[in-house]
Amino acid sequence: MPNYDYKCHKCDHVFEVFQSMNDDKLTDCPLEDCDGPIKRLLGTGAGLIFKGTGFYQTDYRSDSYKSGEKKEAESSRPKADPKPEKKA
């Protein structure tokens, strides 16, 4: 069951409700002293869920690619600057 966010138009109270998709939308603010009209806010959707036994070994880079990438990164690093000369 998804979580739905609602916002009251009268008091600007924002709250989250755990509801079934088949349940009717809420219409009134749950705060006792308000009872203003509310509107369901657009959500960001469900989180990413990984299911299954794992991932295929071929989904990852090969060891030779990783070692070549590491060598390239090391060679492209700037060399350390020599120590500055002392002024007399």
N, C-alpha and C. Protein backbone atom coordinates (compact mmCIF):
# COMPACT_ATOMS: atom_id res chain seq x y z
N MET A 1 0.84 -1.17 0.00
CA MET A 1 0.00 0.00 0.00
C MET A 1 0.89 1.24 0.00
N PRO A 2 0.56 2.21 -0.84
CA PRO A 2 1.41 3.40 -0.95
C PRO A 2 1.10 4.46 0.11
N ASN A 3 2.05 5.34 0.27
CA ASN A 3 1.87 6.52 1.12
C ASN A 3 1.42 7.67 0.24
N TYR A 4 0.45 8.43 0.69
CA TYR A 4 -0.02 9.59 -0.05
C TYR A 4 0.21 10.84 0.79
N ASP A 5 0.65 11.90 0.13
CA ASP A 5 0.83 13.19 0.78
C ASP A 5 -0.39 14.05 0.50
N TYR A 6 -0.85 14.73 1.52
CA TYR A 6 -1.99 15.64 1.41
C TYR A 6 -1.59 17.00 1.96
N LYS A 7 -2.26 18.05 1.46
CA LYS A 7 -2.02 19.40 1.96
C LYS A 7 -3.36 20.10 2.15
N CYS A 8 -3.51 20.74 3.30
CA CYS A 8 -4.73 21.48 3.61
C CYS A 8 -4.64 22.87 2.97
N HIS A 9 -5.73 23.29 2.32
CA HIS A 9 -5.75 24.62 1.70
C HIS A 9 -5.96 25.73 2.73
N LYS A 10 -6.53 25.39 3.85
CA LYS A 10 -6.85 26.40 4.87
C LYS A 10 -5.66 26.69 5.78
N CYS A 11 -5.03 25.64 6.32
CA CYS A 11 -3.95 25.85 7.30
C CYS A 11 -2.56 25.48 6.76
N ASP A 12 -2.47 25.01 5.51
CA ASP A 12 -1.21 24.61 4.86
C ASP A 12 -0.52 23.45 5.57
N HIS A 13 -1.27 22.67 6.33
CA HIS A 13 -0.73 21.48 7.00
C HIS A 13 -0.48 20.40 5.95
N VAL A 14 0.73 19.86 5.91
CA VAL A 14 1.08 18.77 4.99
C VAL A 14 1.27 17.52 5.82
N PHE A 15 0.65 16.42 5.37
CA PHE A 15 0.75 15.17 6.12
C PHE A 15 0.72 13.99 5.15
N GLU A 16 1.16 12.85 5.66
CA GLU A 16 1.28 11.63 4.87
C GLU A 16 0.34 10.57 5.44
N VAL A 17 -0.34 9.86 4.53
CA VAL A 17 -1.29 8.83 4.94
C VAL A 17 -0.96 7.54 4.20
N PHE A 18 -0.93 6.44 4.94
CA PHE A 18 -0.70 5.10 4.38
C PHE A 18 -2.07 4.54 4.01
N GLN A 19 -2.38 4.49 2.70
CA GLN A 19 -3.70 4.10 2.22
C GLN A 19 -3.60 3.08 1.11
N SER A 20 -4.65 2.31 0.97
CA SER A 20 -4.77 1.40 -0.16
C SER A 20 -5.13 2.23 -1.40
N MET A 21 -4.78 1.74 -2.57
CA MET A 21 -5.13 2.43 -3.80
C MET A 21 -6.65 2.48 -4.00
N ASN A 22 -7.36 1.53 -3.42
CA ASN A 22 -8.81 1.46 -3.59
C ASN A 22 -9.56 2.35 -2.60
N ASP A 23 -8.88 2.86 -1.57
CA ASP A 23 -9.53 3.73 -0.60
C ASP A 23 -9.89 5.07 -1.24
N ASP A 24 -10.97 5.68 -0.75
CA ASP A 24 -11.36 7.01 -1.22
C ASP A 24 -10.35 8.04 -0.72
N LYS A 25 -10.20 9.12 -1.52
CA LYS A 25 -9.32 10.21 -1.11
C LYS A 25 -9.89 10.89 0.12
N LEU A 26 -8.99 11.38 0.97
CA LEU A 26 -9.44 12.15 2.12
C LEU A 26 -9.92 13.52 1.64
N THR A 27 -10.87 14.11 2.37
CA THR A 27 -11.43 15.39 1.95
C THR A 27 -11.26 16.51 2.97
N ASP A 28 -11.08 16.16 4.25
CA ASP A 28 -10.99 17.17 5.31
C ASP A 28 -9.67 17.05 6.06
N CYS A 29 -9.17 18.19 6.50
CA CYS A 29 -7.93 18.24 7.28
C CYS A 29 -8.11 17.48 8.59
N PRO A 30 -7.13 16.67 9.00
CA PRO A 30 -7.27 15.89 10.23
C PRO A 30 -7.08 16.70 11.51
N LEU A 31 -6.61 17.94 11.41
CA LEU A 31 -6.44 18.75 12.61
C LEU A 31 -7.81 19.14 13.17
N GLU A 32 -7.96 19.02 14.47
CA GLU A 32 -9.26 19.25 15.11
C GLU A 32 -9.78 20.66 14.91
N ASP A 33 -8.91 21.65 14.97
CA ASP A 33 -9.37 23.04 14.89
C ASP A 33 -9.44 23.58 13.47
N CYS A 34 -9.21 22.75 12.44
CA CYS A 34 -9.17 23.25 11.07
C CYS A 34 -10.35 22.74 10.24
N ASP A 35 -10.37 21.45 9.93
CA ASP A 35 -11.38 20.82 9.06
C ASP A 35 -11.48 21.48 7.69
N GLY A 36 -10.39 22.05 7.20
CA GLY A 36 -10.39 22.67 5.88
C GLY A 36 -10.29 21.63 4.78
N PRO A 37 -10.53 22.03 3.52
CA PRO A 37 -10.43 21.10 2.39
C PRO A 37 -8.97 20.75 2.12
N ILE A 38 -8.72 19.50 1.74
CA ILE A 38 -7.35 19.06 1.46
C ILE A 38 -7.27 18.53 0.04
N LYS A 39 -6.06 18.47 -0.47
CA LYS A 39 -5.80 17.97 -1.82
C LYS A 39 -4.62 17.01 -1.76
N ARG A 40 -4.73 15.92 -2.51
CA ARG A 40 -3.63 14.95 -2.59
C ARG A 40 -2.52 15.54 -3.46
N LEU A 41 -1.30 15.48 -2.98
CA LEU A 41 -0.15 16.00 -3.71
C LEU A 41 0.41 14.92 -4.62
N LEU A 42 1.06 15.34 -5.68
CA LEU A 42 1.71 14.38 -6.57
C LEU A 42 2.94 13.83 -5.89
N GLY A 43 3.09 12.53 -5.91
CA GLY A 43 4.24 11.89 -5.27
C GLY A 43 5.37 11.67 -6.24
N THR A 44 6.48 11.23 -5.70
CA THR A 44 7.65 10.95 -6.53
C THR A 44 7.68 9.51 -7.01
N GLY A 45 6.75 8.70 -6.57
CA GLY A 45 6.72 7.31 -6.99
C GLY A 45 7.41 6.41 -6.00
N ALA A 46 7.46 5.16 -6.34
CA ALA A 46 8.05 4.15 -5.46
C ALA A 46 9.57 4.18 -5.56
N GLY A 47 10.21 3.72 -4.53
CA GLY A 47 11.66 3.61 -4.54
C GLY A 47 12.10 2.46 -5.43
N LEU A 48 13.34 2.41 -5.73
CA LEU A 48 13.91 1.37 -6.56
C LEU A 48 14.07 0.10 -5.74
N ILE A 49 13.54 -1.01 -6.24
CA ILE A 49 13.60 -2.28 -5.52
C ILE A 49 14.28 -3.31 -6.41
N PHE A 50 15.35 -3.91 -5.90
CA PHE A 50 16.04 -4.97 -6.61
C PHE A 50 15.54 -6.31 -6.08
N LYS A 51 15.08 -7.16 -6.98
CA LYS A 51 14.64 -8.49 -6.58
C LYS A 51 15.41 -9.52 -7.39
N GLY A 52 15.54 -10.70 -6.86
CA GLY A 52 16.22 -11.75 -7.58
C GLY A 52 17.43 -12.25 -6.83
N THR A 53 18.18 -13.11 -7.49
CA THR A 53 19.32 -13.73 -6.85
C THR A 53 20.59 -12.90 -6.95
N GLY A 54 20.60 -11.87 -7.76
CA GLY A 54 21.79 -11.05 -7.89
C GLY A 54 21.93 -10.51 -9.29
N PHE A 55 23.14 -10.16 -9.64
CA PHE A 55 23.40 -9.59 -10.93
C PHE A 55 24.38 -10.49 -11.68
N TYR A 56 24.32 -10.40 -12.99
CA TYR A 56 25.20 -11.22 -13.80
C TYR A 56 26.63 -10.70 -13.73
N GLN A 57 27.58 -11.59 -13.77
CA GLN A 57 28.99 -11.21 -13.74
C GLN A 57 29.32 -10.36 -14.96
N THR A 58 28.65 -10.60 -16.08
CA THR A 58 28.93 -9.84 -17.30
C THR A 58 28.40 -8.41 -17.24
N ASP A 59 27.64 -8.08 -16.21
CA ASP A 59 27.13 -6.72 -16.07
C ASP A 59 28.21 -5.76 -15.58
N TYR A 60 29.34 -6.26 -15.16
CA TYR A 60 30.40 -5.43 -14.61
C TYR A 60 31.57 -5.37 -15.57
N ARG A 61 32.40 -4.36 -15.41
CA ARG A 61 33.58 -4.20 -16.26
C ARG A 61 34.57 -5.33 -15.99
N SER A 62 35.32 -5.70 -17.02
CA SER A 62 36.31 -6.76 -16.87
C SER A 62 37.50 -6.25 -16.06
N ASP A 63 38.27 -7.18 -15.52
CA ASP A 63 39.45 -6.81 -14.73
C ASP A 63 40.49 -6.09 -15.58
N SER A 64 40.64 -6.49 -16.85
CA SER A 64 41.62 -5.83 -17.71
C SER A 64 41.20 -4.38 -17.98
N TYR A 65 39.92 -4.12 -18.12
CA TYR A 65 39.45 -2.75 -18.32
C TYR A 65 39.72 -1.91 -17.08
N LYS A 66 39.44 -2.48 -15.91
CA LYS A 66 39.66 -1.75 -14.66
C LYS A 66 41.12 -1.39 -14.48
N SER A 67 42.05 -2.34 -14.77
CA SER A 67 43.47 -2.06 -14.59
C SER A 67 43.95 -1.02 -15.60
N GLY A 68 43.46 -1.06 -16.83
CA GLY A 68 43.82 -0.06 -17.83
C GLY A 68 43.31 1.32 -17.45
N GLU A 69 42.11 1.38 -16.93
CA GLU A 69 41.53 2.65 -16.49
C GLU A 69 42.33 3.24 -15.34
N LYS A 70 42.78 2.37 -14.43
CA LYS A 70 43.56 2.83 -13.28
C LYS A 70 44.90 3.41 -13.74
N LYS A 71 45.57 2.73 -14.69
CA LYS A 71 46.85 3.21 -15.21
C LYS A 71 46.67 4.56 -15.90
N GLU A 72 45.60 4.70 -16.67
CA GLU A 72 45.34 5.95 -17.38
C GLU A 72 45.09 7.09 -16.40
N ALA A 73 44.36 6.82 -15.34
CA ALA A 73 44.07 7.85 -14.34
C ALA A 73 45.35 8.29 -13.63
N GLU A 74 46.24 7.34 -13.34
CA GLU A 74 47.49 7.67 -12.67
C GLU A 74 48.40 8.49 -13.57
N SER A 75 48.44 8.17 -14.87
CA SER A 75 49.32 8.89 -15.78
C SER A 75 48.79 10.29 -16.08
N SER A 76 47.51 10.52 -15.95
CA SER A 76 46.96 11.84 -16.26
C SER A 76 46.98 12.78 -15.06
N ARG A 77 47.36 12.29 -13.89
CA ARG A 77 47.46 13.15 -12.71
C ARG A 77 48.62 14.12 -12.89
N PRO A 78 48.42 15.37 -12.48
CA PRO A 78 49.54 16.32 -12.59
C PRO A 78 50.63 15.97 -11.58
N LYS A 79 51.85 16.19 -11.99
CA LYS A 79 52.99 15.91 -11.11
C LYS A 79 53.03 16.97 -10.01
N ALA A 80 53.60 16.60 -8.89
CA ALA A 80 53.72 17.54 -7.78
C ALA A 80 54.65 18.67 -8.17
N ASP A 81 54.30 19.89 -7.81
CA ASP A 81 55.13 21.05 -8.13
C ASP A 81 56.44 20.96 -7.36
N PRO A 82 57.57 21.36 -8.00
CA PRO A 82 58.83 21.37 -7.26
C PRO A 82 58.76 22.42 -6.15
N LYS A 83 59.61 22.25 -5.16
CA LYS A 83 59.61 23.18 -4.04
C LYS A 83 59.99 24.57 -4.53
N PRO A 84 59.29 25.60 -4.07
CA PRO A 84 59.64 26.96 -4.52
C PRO A 84 61.01 27.37 -4.01
N GLU A 85 61.69 28.18 -4.81
CA GLU A 85 63.03 28.64 -4.43
C GLU A 85 62.92 29.65 -3.31
N LYS A 86 63.90 29.60 -2.41
CA LYS A 86 63.93 30.55 -1.30
C LYS A 86 64.50 31.87 -1.79
N LYS A 87 63.86 32.95 -1.36
CA LYS A 87 64.36 34.28 -1.73
C LYS A 87 65.27 34.78 -0.61
N ALA A 88 66.39 35.39 -1.02
CA ALA A 88 67.35 35.86 -0.02
C ALA A 88 67.07 37.24 0.46
